[in-house]
């Protein structure tokens, strides 16, 4: 797979990523992928599964065939049959969904129906766990503990809020059953691929259940780095720990709390330049390339001049939810909230071809700023940031068995991204600059109304008023 970009000089950035594993998994797939609006299936038994599958794409339980929006839903069995492990794998089996990793696992871009953001700017597709926003990159998020994954296509701002202009991806967590169960799985592959994961879940008391799980993953890299003989590009290493408690103290109250820890350490991603001399379209003042771009045949990146080459990310996240059916009346108060802290550093050789660009050569005739030793090109950059966020949402819903159903709610969230100075360096171009701290506070009220006019015909209305307070 080749992904494209431009550096503004007519040269194209080409990133290569192996999709051999995904192609093999696709050929072995035999389970059902179900999609709504319209929902479809291949055989009689599958049709029954489509009709019975319950989704929460609109933050309330509905059968897949009754959801009036386009939804692709993957059950646990469907993901196991296809050996789906992450959202990138989900995209391989979902019409209208693409998952781009333009700079490795540090700049994820889910794209629904072709509408995309520019690189690392705010996206148009939101990722959620149990309806709670998931902040940060999702490329390394393992789906081993997912009961279901729902890809909701089309604008979802009224239901999910900010960052869902073209759709949303909702990961529904598995809940423990009435009996103890456990699973352990190991995978060995080429290029040093090793995976080991497992989980244990079950009842703790008559009204409480729990689950713990882990996942370790290693990939040594597939591409030779010509600038550093004997080293590989594209290495990936991840660890994931999960823990959850589920409560049902009465028939009317359910609650859950989930903890997710992830630790990712990736080497430099394989990326190269296609020179402007290869451009073959000159119809405008800025030439470009027409046709199918060939994958790069070689890569050369200066990893030894970086303080911390590649992407390194540690995250801790908590998710909580409470549902109360008020005195068994059918009127329900629901709460969902999340807290997360993500630390990330990224070191990149932005020459993309192994050359070291210096303005004055190996020794500087003068020192513009800082304490330069001119040993490092200004194209070798390392940056780091800490991201803290929290969200709270409260909803009140009417009984779901009435012909007229309504819901109202309030949402508030804060997302703060703070650059860190620990990797600032001095080069011949001067002291590296610290990026802007960005703080986004989002407040919203929302509601919805459904009216079953006649059997088979429902009129629905959803509204959301939200305010963004963005400070930089």
Protein backbone atom coordinates (compact mmCIF):
# COMPACT_ATOMS: atom_id res chain seq x y z
CA UNK A 1 0.00 0.00 0.00
CA UNK A 2 1.34 3.43 -0.92
CA UNK A 3 0.09 6.59 0.75
CA UNK A 4 0.65 10.00 -0.77
CA UNK A 5 1.43 13.49 0.39
CA UNK A 6 3.30 16.53 -0.83
CA UNK A 7 6.10 18.63 0.62
CA UNK A 8 5.23 21.75 -1.37
CA UNK A 9 8.14 21.46 -3.84
CA UNK A 10 6.38 19.15 -6.23
CA UNK A 11 8.00 16.16 -4.56
CA UNK A 12 5.60 13.49 -3.36
CA UNK A 13 5.89 11.74 -0.01
CA UNK A 14 5.41 8.01 -0.37
CA UNK A 15 4.85 5.78 2.62
CA UNK A 16 4.84 2.05 2.18
CA UNK A 17 3.04 -0.33 4.52
CA UNK A 18 2.72 -4.05 4.15
CA UNK A 19 -0.83 -5.36 3.82
CA UNK A 20 0.15 -8.99 3.36
CA UNK A 21 -1.30 -9.97 6.73
CA UNK A 22 -4.62 -8.30 5.99
CA UNK A 23 -4.89 -9.86 2.54
CA UNK A 24 -4.35 -13.31 3.98
CA UNK A 25 -6.91 -12.73 6.70
CA UNK A 26 -9.45 -11.52 4.18
CA UNK A 27 -9.10 -14.64 2.07
CA UNK A 28 -9.80 -16.82 5.12
CA UNK A 29 -12.93 -14.93 6.14
CA UNK A 30 -16.27 -16.74 6.08
CA UNK A 31 -18.36 -14.98 8.72
CA UNK A 32 -21.07 -12.39 8.28
CA UNK A 33 -20.65 -8.64 7.99
CA UNK A 34 -24.00 -6.99 8.59
CA UNK A 35 -24.96 -3.55 7.40
CA UNK A 36 -28.06 -1.46 7.98
CA UNK A 37 -29.98 1.05 5.89
CA UNK A 38 -30.38 -1.21 4.08
CA UNK A 39 -29.35 -4.24 6.11
CA UNK A 40 -28.33 -7.24 4.05
CA UNK A 41 -27.21 -10.83 4.51
CA UNK A 42 -26.34 -13.79 2.36
CA UNK A 43 -28.43 -16.70 3.63
CA UNK A 44 -31.46 -17.56 5.70
CA UNK A 45 -29.62 -17.99 9.00
CA UNK A 46 -27.76 -14.73 8.37
CA UNK A 47 -31.03 -12.90 7.79
CA UNK A 48 -32.22 -14.02 11.21
CA UNK A 49 -28.97 -12.75 12.75
CA UNK A 50 -29.40 -9.37 11.04
CA UNK A 51 -32.92 -9.03 12.40
CA UNK A 52 -31.90 -9.98 15.94
CA UNK A 53 -28.63 -8.05 16.20
CA UNK A 54 -29.03 -5.16 18.64
CA UNK A 55 -26.90 -2.04 18.15
CA UNK A 56 -26.52 1.22 20.05
CA UNK A 57 -25.54 3.40 17.10
CA UNK A 58 -27.92 6.15 18.31
CA UNK A 59 -27.07 5.63 22.01
CA UNK A 60 -30.14 3.49 22.56
CA UNK A 61 -30.79 -0.16 21.84
CA UNK A 62 -32.33 -0.91 18.44
CA UNK A 63 -32.29 -3.90 16.16
CA UNK A 64 -30.01 -3.41 13.19
CA UNK A 65 -32.84 -3.71 10.68
CA UNK A 66 -34.76 -0.88 12.39
CA UNK A 67 -31.93 1.68 12.53
CA UNK A 68 -32.76 4.47 10.03
CA UNK A 69 -29.09 5.24 9.30
CA UNK A 70 -26.26 3.40 7.54
CA UNK A 71 -24.46 1.14 10.02
CA UNK A 72 -21.93 -1.64 9.53
CA UNK A 73 -21.79 -3.81 12.66
CA UNK A 74 -19.20 -6.46 13.53
CA UNK A 75 -19.99 -9.00 16.24
CA UNK A 76 -17.32 -10.81 18.25
CA UNK A 77 -17.75 -13.89 16.07
CA UNK A 78 -17.45 -11.89 12.85
CA UNK A 79 -14.22 -10.29 14.06
CA UNK A 80 -12.77 -13.62 15.17
CA UNK A 81 -13.58 -15.27 11.84
CA UNK A 82 -11.87 -12.44 9.98
CA UNK A 83 -9.07 -12.19 12.56
CA UNK A 84 -9.80 -8.48 12.92
CA UNK A 85 -7.54 -6.90 15.51
CA UNK A 86 -7.87 -3.13 15.12
CA UNK A 87 -9.82 -0.37 13.38
CA UNK A 88 -7.49 -0.53 10.37
CA UNK A 89 -8.64 -4.14 9.89
CA UNK A 90 -12.27 -3.05 10.31
CA UNK A 91 -11.80 -0.64 7.40
CA UNK A 92 -10.72 -3.49 5.12
CA UNK A 93 -14.22 -5.00 5.44
CA UNK A 94 -16.38 -1.87 5.65
CA UNK A 95 -17.72 -0.20 2.50
CA UNK A 96 -17.09 3.54 2.58
CA UNK A 97 -14.51 3.46 5.40
CA UNK A 98 -10.77 3.96 5.00
CA UNK A 99 -8.15 4.11 7.73
CA UNK A 100 -5.02 6.03 6.76
CA UNK A 101 -1.73 6.04 8.65
CA UNK A 102 0.17 8.73 6.78
CA UNK A 103 3.01 8.84 9.33
CA UNK A 104 2.87 5.44 10.95
CA UNK A 105 0.73 4.97 14.04
CA UNK A 106 1.15 8.62 15.07
CA UNK A 107 -1.33 10.27 12.71
CA UNK A 108 -4.46 8.15 12.24
CA UNK A 109 -7.08 9.41 9.81
CA UNK A 110 -10.35 7.48 9.54
CA UNK A 111 -12.19 8.54 6.39
CA UNK A 112 -15.86 7.83 5.70
CA UNK A 113 -17.31 8.37 2.23
CA UNK A 114 -14.19 10.16 1.02
CA UNK A 115 -14.42 13.20 3.31
CA UNK A 116 -11.10 13.64 5.11
CA UNK A 117 -9.25 16.15 7.24
CA UNK A 118 -5.80 17.56 6.51
CA UNK A 119 -3.22 15.29 8.16
CA UNK A 120 -3.33 15.81 11.94
CA UNK A 121 -6.04 18.49 12.14
CA UNK A 122 -9.38 17.81 13.83
CA UNK A 123 -10.97 14.81 12.19
CA UNK A 124 -14.42 14.28 10.75
CA UNK A 125 -14.83 10.75 12.16
CA UNK A 126 -14.97 10.25 15.92
CA UNK A 127 -13.92 7.10 17.77
CA UNK A 128 -15.86 6.11 20.90
CA UNK A 129 -15.73 3.35 23.51
CA UNK A 130 -19.23 2.59 24.81
CA UNK A 131 -20.35 5.97 23.46
CA UNK A 132 -17.58 7.86 25.32
CA UNK A 133 -15.04 9.85 23.23
CA UNK A 134 -11.66 8.19 22.72
CA UNK A 135 -9.00 10.90 22.46
CA UNK A 136 -5.69 10.25 20.72
CA UNK A 137 -4.46 7.91 18.02
CA UNK A 138 -6.31 4.61 17.71
CA UNK A 139 -3.97 2.65 15.41
CA UNK A 140 -2.62 0.53 18.26
CA UNK A 141 -6.01 0.04 19.99
CA UNK A 142 -6.67 -3.69 20.15
CA UNK A 143 -10.26 -4.95 19.77
CA UNK A 144 -9.77 -8.19 21.70
CA UNK A 145 -12.22 -7.11 24.43
CA UNK A 146 -14.86 -5.71 22.09
CA UNK A 147 -18.31 -7.27 21.99
CA UNK A 148 -19.24 -5.31 18.90
CA UNK A 149 -17.91 -2.56 16.64
CA UNK A 150 -20.36 -0.22 14.92
CA UNK A 151 -19.35 1.99 12.00
CA UNK A 152 -21.99 4.71 11.66
CA UNK A 153 -21.93 6.55 8.34
CA UNK A 154 -23.14 10.07 7.74
CA UNK A 155 -23.25 13.13 10.03
CA UNK A 156 -23.61 12.11 13.70
CA UNK A 157 -23.09 15.48 15.39
CA UNK A 158 -26.56 15.48 16.99
CA UNK A 159 -25.89 12.18 18.80
CA UNK A 160 -22.12 12.00 19.32
CA UNK A 161 -21.20 15.67 19.14
CA UNK A 162 -17.92 17.23 18.10
CA UNK A 163 -15.74 15.64 15.42
CA UNK A 164 -18.37 13.39 13.80
CA UNK A 165 -19.24 15.35 10.67
CA UNK A 166 -19.00 12.31 8.39
CA UNK A 167 -19.50 9.47 10.87
CA UNK A 168 -18.49 7.69 14.05
CA UNK A 169 -16.92 4.40 15.12
CA UNK A 170 -18.35 3.03 18.38
CA UNK A 171 -16.61 0.15 20.15
CA UNK A 172 -18.98 -1.68 22.51
CA UNK A 173 -17.11 -3.43 25.33
CA UNK A 174 -17.82 -7.03 26.23
CA UNK A 175 -19.47 -7.66 29.60
CA UNK A 176 -18.84 -10.72 31.77
CA UNK A 177 -21.42 -13.48 31.77
CA UNK A 178 -22.81 -15.64 34.55
CA UNK A 179 -19.91 -18.11 34.30
CA UNK A 180 -16.15 -17.78 34.41
CA UNK A 181 -14.38 -17.81 31.09
CA UNK A 182 -10.84 -17.26 29.93
CA UNK A 183 -8.88 -17.16 26.73
CA UNK A 184 -5.24 -16.96 25.70
CA UNK A 185 -3.97 -16.49 22.17
CA UNK A 186 -0.49 -16.40 20.64
CA UNK A 187 0.63 -15.51 17.11
CA UNK A 188 4.02 -15.90 15.44
CA UNK A 189 4.78 -14.41 12.03
CA UNK A 190 7.48 -13.21 9.70
CA UNK A 191 9.67 -10.15 10.33
CA UNK A 192 9.73 -10.90 14.04
CA UNK A 193 6.00 -10.62 14.56
CA UNK A 194 5.00 -11.92 17.99
CA UNK A 195 1.65 -11.51 19.74
CA UNK A 196 0.40 -12.79 23.05
CA UNK A 197 -2.92 -11.91 24.63
CA UNK A 198 -5.43 -13.21 27.10
CA UNK A 199 -8.40 -12.40 29.31
CA UNK A 200 -10.38 -13.73 32.26
CA UNK A 201 -13.93 -12.67 33.11
CA UNK A 202 -16.81 -13.81 35.25
CA UNK A 203 -19.00 -13.10 38.29
CA UNK A 204 -17.45 -11.81 41.53
CA UNK A 205 -20.67 -11.51 43.56
CA UNK A 206 -24.32 -12.03 42.57
CA UNK A 207 -24.50 -8.34 41.61
CA UNK A 208 -20.95 -7.66 40.34
CA UNK A 209 -18.78 -9.06 37.56
CA UNK A 210 -15.26 -8.32 36.41
CA UNK A 211 -12.81 -8.74 33.57
CA UNK A 212 -9.06 -8.35 33.13
CA UNK A 213 -7.03 -8.72 29.96
CA UNK A 214 -3.66 -8.07 28.37
CA UNK A 215 -2.04 -7.92 24.94
CA UNK A 216 1.64 -7.76 23.91
CA UNK A 217 2.69 -7.18 20.30
CA UNK A 218 6.05 -6.91 18.53
CA UNK A 219 7.01 -6.41 14.88
CA UNK A 220 10.69 -5.94 13.97
CA UNK A 221 10.07 -4.00 10.77
CA UNK A 222 10.03 -5.02 7.14
CA UNK A 223 12.09 -2.42 5.27
CA UNK A 224 15.88 -1.96 5.21
CA UNK A 225 17.18 1.48 6.16
CA UNK A 226 19.97 2.32 3.70
CA UNK A 227 21.10 5.28 5.79
CA UNK A 228 21.72 2.99 8.76
CA UNK A 229 22.89 -0.40 7.42
CA UNK A 230 21.67 -3.33 9.45
CA UNK A 231 18.59 -1.54 10.81
CA UNK A 232 14.93 -1.82 9.86
CA UNK A 233 12.15 0.71 9.37
CA UNK A 234 8.53 0.18 10.35
CA UNK A 235 9.06 -1.62 13.66
CA UNK A 236 6.12 -1.62 16.09
CA UNK A 237 5.82 -2.62 19.72
CA UNK A 238 2.71 -2.36 21.91
CA UNK A 239 1.41 -3.43 25.28
CA UNK A 240 -2.19 -3.16 26.48
CA UNK A 241 -3.81 -3.82 29.87
CA UNK A 242 -7.54 -3.67 30.56
CA UNK A 243 -9.66 -4.06 33.65
CA UNK A 244 -13.39 -3.62 34.16
CA UNK A 245 -16.08 -3.97 36.81
CA UNK A 246 -19.79 -4.25 36.10
CA UNK A 247 -22.50 -3.71 38.72
CA UNK A 248 -26.20 -4.51 38.91
CA UNK A 249 -27.24 -3.86 42.54
CA UNK A 250 -30.96 -3.79 41.64
CA UNK A 251 -33.09 -4.63 38.63
CA UNK A 252 -33.32 -0.93 37.82
CA UNK A 253 -29.66 0.10 38.10
CA UNK A 254 -26.61 -0.94 36.09
CA UNK A 255 -23.13 0.60 36.21
CA UNK A 256 -19.67 -0.05 34.83
CA UNK A 257 -16.14 1.27 35.11
CA UNK A 258 -13.31 0.37 32.74
CA UNK A 259 -9.57 1.08 32.77
CA UNK A 260 -7.37 0.94 29.67
CA UNK A 261 -3.58 1.31 29.64
CA UNK A 262 -1.63 1.31 26.38
CA UNK A 263 2.10 1.63 25.75
CA UNK A 264 3.40 1.95 22.18
CA UNK A 265 7.00 2.19 20.98
CA UNK A 266 7.41 2.35 17.21
CA UNK A 267 10.51 2.92 15.13
CA UNK A 268 10.64 5.35 12.24
CA UNK A 269 8.02 4.61 9.61
CA UNK A 270 9.13 3.80 6.04
CA UNK A 271 8.68 6.96 4.01
CA UNK A 272 10.46 8.31 0.92
CA UNK A 273 10.30 11.05 -1.68
CA UNK A 274 9.29 10.72 -5.29
CA UNK A 275 11.29 13.52 -6.96
CA UNK A 276 9.57 16.27 -8.89
CA UNK A 277 11.39 15.07 -12.01
CA UNK A 278 9.02 12.09 -12.00
CA UNK A 279 5.97 14.31 -12.39
CA UNK A 280 4.19 13.78 -15.68
CA UNK A 281 1.28 16.25 -15.59
CA UNK A 282 2.01 19.88 -16.41
CA UNK A 283 -1.43 21.33 -17.05
CA UNK A 284 -1.10 23.90 -14.25
CA UNK A 285 1.65 26.04 -12.76
CA UNK A 286 2.25 23.31 -10.17
CA UNK A 287 3.09 19.99 -11.82
CA UNK A 288 1.92 16.76 -10.29
CA UNK A 289 1.81 13.02 -10.97
CA UNK A 290 -0.92 11.26 -12.93
CA UNK A 291 -1.51 7.54 -12.69
CA UNK A 292 -0.70 4.78 -10.23
CA UNK A 293 2.27 5.57 -8.02
CA UNK A 294 4.77 2.75 -7.67
CA UNK A 295 5.93 1.80 -4.17
CA UNK A 296 9.39 3.09 -3.23
CA UNK A 297 12.17 0.59 -3.86
CA UNK A 298 14.40 1.85 -1.06
CA UNK A 299 14.31 3.94 2.11
CA UNK A 300 16.97 6.01 3.86
CA UNK A 301 16.33 7.86 7.12
CA UNK A 302 18.84 9.27 9.60
CA UNK A 303 17.71 7.71 12.84
CA UNK A 304 21.02 8.23 14.67
CA UNK A 305 20.64 12.03 14.74
CA UNK A 306 17.34 11.95 16.62
CA UNK A 307 16.99 12.06 20.40
CA UNK A 308 14.02 9.70 20.32
CA UNK A 309 13.35 8.38 16.80
CA UNK A 310 9.92 7.03 15.97
CA UNK A 311 6.70 7.29 17.94
CA UNK A 312 6.44 6.62 21.66
CA UNK A 313 3.09 6.88 23.40
CA UNK A 314 1.75 5.98 26.85
CA UNK A 315 -1.92 6.41 27.72
CA UNK A 316 -4.17 5.81 30.72
CA UNK A 317 -7.93 6.00 30.26
CA UNK A 318 -10.96 5.51 32.51
CA UNK A 319 -14.53 5.08 31.26
CA UNK A 320 -17.65 4.97 33.42
CA UNK A 321 -21.40 4.61 32.88
CA UNK A 322 -24.58 4.40 35.00
CA UNK A 323 -28.16 3.66 33.88
CA UNK A 324 -31.16 4.01 36.20
CA UNK A 325 -34.63 2.94 35.14
CA UNK A 326 -36.47 5.26 37.52
CA UNK A 327 -38.55 3.02 39.83
CA UNK A 328 -39.07 0.63 36.93
CA UNK A 329 -41.13 3.22 35.06
CA UNK A 330 -39.21 2.98 31.78
CA UNK A 331 -37.95 6.54 32.13
CA UNK A 332 -34.17 6.26 32.26
CA UNK A 333 -31.40 8.54 33.50
CA UNK A 334 -28.03 7.69 31.95
CA UNK A 335 -24.55 8.98 32.69
CA UNK A 336 -21.38 8.45 30.65
CA UNK A 337 -17.97 9.90 31.43
CA UNK A 338 -14.30 9.46 30.66
CA UNK A 339 -10.88 10.69 31.78
CA UNK A 340 -7.65 10.21 29.85
CA UNK A 341 -4.00 11.21 29.86
CA UNK A 342 -1.82 10.58 26.82
CA UNK A 343 1.92 11.22 26.57
CA UNK A 344 3.49 11.14 23.10
CA UNK A 345 6.86 11.90 21.51
CA UNK A 346 7.71 11.69 17.82
CA UNK A 347 11.17 11.88 16.25
CA UNK A 348 11.31 12.24 12.46
CA UNK A 349 13.91 12.68 9.75
CA UNK A 350 12.04 15.09 7.50
CA UNK A 351 14.54 14.93 4.68
CA UNK A 352 12.90 11.58 3.83
CA UNK A 353 15.89 10.50 1.73
CA UNK A 354 18.84 10.13 4.10
CA UNK A 355 20.55 13.38 3.19
CA UNK A 356 21.56 15.87 5.86
CA UNK A 357 20.69 19.43 4.87
CA UNK A 358 22.93 22.10 6.39
CA UNK A 359 22.93 25.81 5.67
CA UNK A 360 26.57 26.26 6.63
CA UNK A 361 28.02 22.79 6.55
CA UNK A 362 29.34 20.79 9.47
CA UNK A 363 30.60 23.86 11.32
CA UNK A 364 28.70 27.12 11.76
CA UNK A 365 30.34 30.47 10.94
CA UNK A 366 28.08 32.02 13.56
CA UNK A 367 25.53 31.05 16.17
CA UNK A 368 22.09 32.54 15.39
CA UNK A 369 20.30 31.29 18.50
CA UNK A 370 20.84 28.95 21.36
CA UNK A 371 23.77 26.61 21.86
CA UNK A 372 24.33 25.13 18.41
CA UNK A 373 26.86 22.48 17.63
CA UNK A 374 25.64 22.06 14.04
CA UNK A 375 25.78 18.29 14.40
CA UNK A 376 22.09 17.96 13.69
CA UNK A 377 20.20 19.21 10.69
CA UNK A 378 17.09 21.29 11.21
CA UNK A 379 15.26 18.57 9.27
CA UNK A 380 15.77 16.15 12.17
CA UNK A 381 12.95 17.02 14.56
CA UNK A 382 11.60 15.61 17.81
CA UNK A 383 8.49 16.85 19.56
CA UNK A 384 6.51 15.73 22.56
CA UNK A 385 3.15 16.58 24.11
CA UNK A 386 0.87 15.59 26.96
CA UNK A 387 -2.87 15.43 26.30
CA UNK A 388 -5.41 15.49 29.14
CA UNK A 389 -9.14 15.23 28.59
CA UNK A 390 -12.39 14.52 30.39
CA UNK A 391 -16.04 14.25 29.34
CA UNK A 392 -19.41 14.04 31.11
CA UNK A 393 -22.81 13.36 29.59
CA UNK A 394 -26.24 12.99 31.23
CA UNK A 395 -29.40 11.88 29.38
CA UNK A 396 -33.06 11.45 30.28
CA UNK A 397 -35.06 9.11 28.03
CA UNK A 398 -38.71 8.13 27.86
CA UNK A 399 -39.87 4.48 27.71
CA UNK A 400 -38.85 2.77 24.48
CA UNK A 401 -42.15 0.90 24.02
CA UNK A 402 -44.31 3.99 23.41
CA UNK A 403 -45.34 5.34 20.02
CA UNK A 404 -43.86 8.73 20.91
CA UNK A 405 -40.37 8.59 22.40
CA UNK A 406 -38.10 11.43 23.44
CA UNK A 407 -34.71 12.07 25.02
CA UNK A 408 -32.84 15.14 26.25
CA UNK A 409 -29.30 15.54 27.52
CA UNK A 410 -26.37 17.70 28.54
CA UNK A 411 -22.70 17.25 27.60
CA UNK A 412 -19.47 18.90 28.67
CA UNK A 413 -15.91 18.03 27.74
CA UNK A 414 -12.41 19.46 28.02
CA UNK A 415 -9.42 18.52 25.86
CA UNK A 416 -6.02 20.06 26.59
CA UNK A 417 -2.89 19.42 24.52
CA UNK A 418 0.34 20.78 26.05
CA UNK A 419 3.69 20.58 24.17
CA UNK A 420 6.66 19.52 26.30
CA UNK A 421 10.09 21.11 26.23
CA UNK A 422 12.13 18.02 27.10
CA UNK A 423 13.11 17.30 23.48
CA UNK A 424 13.86 20.86 22.37
CA UNK A 425 17.25 21.00 20.67
CA UNK A 426 19.52 23.60 19.11
CA UNK A 427 20.45 23.28 15.44
CA UNK A 428 22.16 25.55 12.98
CA UNK A 429 18.76 27.06 12.19
CA UNK A 430 18.30 28.05 15.81
CA UNK A 431 16.58 26.69 18.87
CA UNK A 432 13.58 24.46 18.17
CA UNK A 433 10.32 26.25 18.83
CA UNK A 434 7.78 24.96 21.32
CA UNK A 435 4.35 24.45 19.77
CA UNK A 436 1.16 26.10 20.95
CA UNK A 437 -0.84 24.74 23.85
CA UNK A 438 -4.39 24.09 22.70
CA UNK A 439 -7.39 23.92 25.02
CA UNK A 440 -10.85 23.00 23.72
CA UNK A 441 -13.91 23.14 25.97
CA UNK A 442 -17.13 21.84 24.47
CA UNK A 443 -20.58 22.30 26.05
CA UNK A 444 -23.80 21.05 24.49
CA UNK A 445 -27.48 20.39 25.05
CA UNK A 446 -29.26 17.93 22.79
CA UNK A 447 -32.49 16.08 22.31
CA UNK A 448 -34.47 13.83 20.03
CA UNK A 449 -38.04 12.81 19.23
CA UNK A 450 -39.43 9.72 17.47
CA UNK A 451 -43.07 9.30 16.49
CA UNK A 452 -44.49 6.05 15.08
CA UNK A 453 -47.13 7.58 12.81
CA UNK A 454 -48.33 4.25 11.43
CA UNK A 455 -46.79 0.76 11.54
CA UNK A 456 -43.62 0.86 9.46
CA UNK A 457 -43.43 4.67 9.33
CA UNK A 458 -41.56 6.68 11.97
CA UNK A 459 -40.83 10.39 12.00
CA UNK A 460 -37.63 11.33 13.83
CA UNK A 461 -36.01 14.61 14.83
CA UNK A 462 -32.62 15.17 16.49
CA UNK A 463 -31.20 18.52 17.58
CA UNK A 464 -27.97 19.60 19.26
CA UNK A 465 -26.73 23.03 20.27
CA UNK A 466 -23.08 23.16 21.22
CA UNK A 467 -20.45 25.76 22.00
CA UNK A 468 -16.71 25.41 21.49
CA UNK A 469 -14.26 27.50 23.50
CA UNK A 470 -10.87 27.08 21.79
CA UNK A 471 -7.77 28.68 23.28
CA UNK A 472 -4.23 28.48 21.92
